[in-house]
Amino acid sequence: MEDLIGCGWVEEREGYQIIAMGKVIRQTAEELTDRYFFSPWSCLTQAELETLRDLLIRLRDGLS
């Protein structure tokens, strides 16, 4: 928490409170996480997504 305070993202006030800059950083991180996570899948067709889903289910079931 001290590091976050040092970055100016959080302040200690009746506990820890995220401040405006911290909210911007968090929102940016959330958006980038979504973009980086979903972008590899966005190029797949519906048929490819269904095949991937089926393969993942088979993998999961095989690991059980």
N, C-alpha and C. Protein backbone atom coordinates (compact mmCIF):
# COMPACT_ATOMS: atom_id res chain seq x y z
N MET A 1 0.82 -1.18 0.00
CA MET A 1 0.00 0.00 0.00
C MET A 1 0.88 1.26 0.00
N GLU A 2 2.01 1.15 0.64
CA GLU A 2 2.91 2.31 0.65
C GLU A 2 3.37 2.67 -0.76
N ASP A 3 3.61 1.65 -1.57
CA ASP A 3 4.01 1.92 -2.96
C ASP A 3 2.90 2.65 -3.72
N LEU A 4 1.64 2.22 -3.49
CA LEU A 4 0.51 2.87 -4.16
C LEU A 4 0.35 4.31 -3.69
N ILE A 5 0.58 4.52 -2.41
CA ILE A 5 0.54 5.88 -1.87
C ILE A 5 1.64 6.71 -2.52
N GLY A 6 2.84 6.12 -2.63
CA GLY A 6 3.97 6.80 -3.25
C GLY A 6 3.73 7.16 -4.70
N CYS A 7 2.95 6.33 -5.39
CA CYS A 7 2.62 6.62 -6.80
C CYS A 7 1.52 7.66 -6.93
N GLY A 8 0.86 7.97 -5.83
CA GLY A 8 -0.23 8.93 -5.89
C GLY A 8 -1.54 8.33 -6.35
N TRP A 9 -1.71 7.03 -6.15
CA TRP A 9 -2.92 6.34 -6.57
C TRP A 9 -3.88 6.10 -5.41
N VAL A 10 -3.33 6.08 -4.20
CA VAL A 10 -4.10 5.79 -2.99
C VAL A 10 -3.66 6.76 -1.91
N GLU A 11 -4.59 7.08 -1.04
CA GLU A 11 -4.19 7.85 0.14
C GLU A 11 -4.76 7.18 1.38
N GLU A 12 -4.05 7.38 2.48
CA GLU A 12 -4.49 6.78 3.73
C GLU A 12 -5.34 7.80 4.46
N ARG A 13 -6.62 7.45 4.59
CA ARG A 13 -7.59 8.35 5.22
C ARG A 13 -8.74 7.47 5.68
N GLU A 14 -8.80 7.21 6.99
CA GLU A 14 -9.79 6.27 7.53
C GLU A 14 -9.69 4.95 6.77
N GLY A 15 -8.52 4.41 6.69
CA GLY A 15 -8.26 3.25 5.85
C GLY A 15 -7.58 3.74 4.59
N TYR A 16 -7.65 3.00 3.55
CA TYR A 16 -7.04 3.38 2.29
C TYR A 16 -8.12 3.76 1.29
N GLN A 17 -7.93 4.88 0.62
CA GLN A 17 -8.90 5.36 -0.36
C GLN A 17 -8.20 5.55 -1.70
N ILE A 18 -8.79 4.98 -2.75
CA ILE A 18 -8.25 5.19 -4.08
C ILE A 18 -8.63 6.61 -4.51
N ILE A 19 -7.67 7.31 -5.11
CA ILE A 19 -7.94 8.69 -5.53
C ILE A 19 -8.08 8.73 -7.05
N ALA A 20 -8.37 9.89 -7.60
CA ALA A 20 -8.71 10.03 -9.02
C ALA A 20 -7.67 9.37 -9.92
N MET A 21 -6.40 9.63 -9.70
CA MET A 21 -5.36 9.05 -10.55
C MET A 21 -5.37 7.52 -10.44
N GLY A 22 -5.59 7.00 -9.24
CA GLY A 22 -5.67 5.56 -9.05
C GLY A 22 -6.84 4.96 -9.81
N LYS A 23 -7.96 5.67 -9.83
CA LYS A 23 -9.12 5.19 -10.58
C LYS A 23 -8.84 5.15 -12.07
N VAL A 24 -8.15 6.16 -12.58
CA VAL A 24 -7.79 6.19 -14.00
C VAL A 24 -6.86 5.03 -14.34
N ILE A 25 -5.86 4.80 -13.51
CA ILE A 25 -4.91 3.71 -13.73
C ILE A 25 -5.63 2.37 -13.70
N ARG A 26 -6.51 2.18 -12.74
CA ARG A 26 -7.24 0.92 -12.63
C ARG A 26 -8.13 0.70 -13.85
N GLN A 27 -8.86 1.73 -14.29
CA GLN A 27 -9.73 1.60 -15.45
C GLN A 27 -8.92 1.27 -16.71
N THR A 28 -7.79 1.93 -16.86
CA THR A 28 -6.91 1.65 -18.00
C THR A 28 -6.42 0.21 -17.96
N ALA A 29 -6.04 -0.26 -16.79
CA ALA A 29 -5.58 -1.64 -16.65
C ALA A 29 -6.68 -2.63 -16.99
N GLU A 30 -7.90 -2.34 -16.55
CA GLU A 30 -9.04 -3.22 -16.86
C GLU A 30 -9.28 -3.27 -18.37
N GLU A 31 -9.26 -2.12 -19.03
CA GLU A 31 -9.49 -2.07 -20.46
C GLU A 31 -8.40 -2.80 -21.24
N LEU A 32 -7.15 -2.60 -20.84
CA LEU A 32 -6.05 -3.28 -21.52
C LEU A 32 -6.11 -4.79 -21.29
N THR A 33 -6.46 -5.20 -20.08
CA THR A 33 -6.59 -6.62 -19.80
C THR A 33 -7.65 -7.25 -20.70
N ASP A 34 -8.80 -6.59 -20.81
CA ASP A 34 -9.86 -7.11 -21.69
C ASP A 34 -9.39 -7.17 -23.14
N ARG A 35 -8.74 -6.11 -23.59
CA ARG A 35 -8.29 -6.08 -24.98
C ARG A 35 -7.25 -7.17 -25.26
N TYR A 36 -6.27 -7.30 -24.37
CA TYR A 36 -5.23 -8.29 -24.57
C TYR A 36 -5.75 -9.72 -24.42
N PHE A 37 -6.72 -9.92 -23.54
CA PHE A 37 -7.26 -11.26 -23.34
C PHE A 37 -8.12 -11.68 -24.52
N PHE A 38 -9.00 -10.80 -24.99
CA PHE A 38 -9.96 -11.18 -26.01
C PHE A 38 -9.44 -11.07 -27.45
N SER A 39 -8.40 -10.29 -27.67
CA SER A 39 -7.94 -10.07 -29.05
C SER A 39 -7.51 -11.36 -29.76
N PRO A 40 -6.85 -12.32 -29.11
CA PRO A 40 -6.48 -13.54 -29.84
C PRO A 40 -7.70 -14.33 -30.33
N TRP A 41 -8.81 -14.20 -29.63
CA TRP A 41 -10.01 -14.98 -29.98
C TRP A 41 -10.87 -14.25 -31.01
N SER A 42 -10.69 -12.96 -31.16
CA SER A 42 -11.56 -12.17 -32.03
C SER A 42 -11.39 -12.50 -33.51
N CYS A 43 -10.28 -13.11 -33.88
CA CYS A 43 -10.05 -13.44 -35.28
C CYS A 43 -10.66 -14.78 -35.67
N LEU A 44 -11.16 -15.54 -34.70
CA LEU A 44 -11.72 -16.85 -34.98
C LEU A 44 -13.16 -16.74 -35.48
N THR A 45 -13.51 -17.64 -36.39
CA THR A 45 -14.89 -17.70 -36.88
C THR A 45 -15.74 -18.40 -35.82
N GLN A 46 -17.04 -18.34 -36.01
CA GLN A 46 -17.94 -19.02 -35.08
C GLN A 46 -17.66 -20.52 -35.05
N ALA A 47 -17.42 -21.10 -36.21
CA ALA A 47 -17.12 -22.54 -36.28
C ALA A 47 -15.82 -22.86 -35.54
N GLU A 48 -14.82 -22.01 -35.68
CA GLU A 48 -13.54 -22.22 -34.98
C GLU A 48 -13.72 -22.09 -33.47
N LEU A 49 -14.54 -21.14 -33.05
CA LEU A 49 -14.81 -20.98 -31.62
C LEU A 49 -15.52 -22.21 -31.06
N GLU A 50 -16.44 -22.76 -31.82
CA GLU A 50 -17.15 -23.96 -31.37
C GLU A 50 -16.19 -25.15 -31.30
N THR A 51 -15.30 -25.27 -32.27
CA THR A 51 -14.30 -26.34 -32.24
C THR A 51 -13.38 -26.17 -31.03
N LEU A 52 -12.94 -24.96 -30.79
CA LEU A 52 -12.09 -24.68 -29.63
C LEU A 52 -12.81 -25.04 -28.34
N ARG A 53 -14.07 -24.64 -28.24
CA ARG A 53 -14.86 -24.95 -27.05
C ARG A 53 -14.94 -26.46 -26.85
N ASP A 54 -15.23 -27.20 -27.92
CA ASP A 54 -15.32 -28.65 -27.81
C ASP A 54 -14.00 -29.26 -27.37
N LEU A 55 -12.90 -28.77 -27.93
CA LEU A 55 -11.58 -29.28 -27.55
C LEU A 55 -11.26 -28.98 -26.09
N LEU A 56 -11.62 -27.80 -25.65
CA LEU A 56 -11.36 -27.44 -24.25
C LEU A 56 -12.19 -28.29 -23.31
N ILE A 57 -13.42 -28.59 -23.69
CA ILE A 57 -14.26 -29.45 -22.86
C ILE A 57 -13.66 -30.86 -22.79
N ARG A 58 -13.19 -31.36 -23.92
CA ARG A 58 -12.54 -32.68 -23.93
C ARG A 58 -11.29 -32.67 -23.06
N LEU A 59 -10.52 -31.60 -23.13
CA LEU A 59 -9.32 -31.49 -22.30
C LEU A 59 -9.70 -31.49 -20.82
N ARG A 60 -10.67 -30.65 -20.47
CA ARG A 60 -11.13 -30.58 -19.07
C ARG A 60 -11.60 -31.95 -18.59
N ASP A 61 -12.42 -32.61 -19.39
CA ASP A 61 -12.94 -33.91 -19.00
C ASP A 61 -11.83 -34.94 -18.89
N GLY A 62 -10.83 -34.83 -19.76
CA GLY A 62 -9.70 -35.76 -19.71
C GLY A 62 -8.83 -35.56 -18.49
N LEU A 63 -8.83 -34.35 -17.95
CA LEU A 63 -8.02 -34.07 -16.76
C LEU A 63 -8.73 -34.47 -15.47
N SER A 64 -10.02 -34.69 -15.54
CA SER A 64 -10.79 -35.05 -14.33
C SER A 64 -10.49 -36.45 -13.87
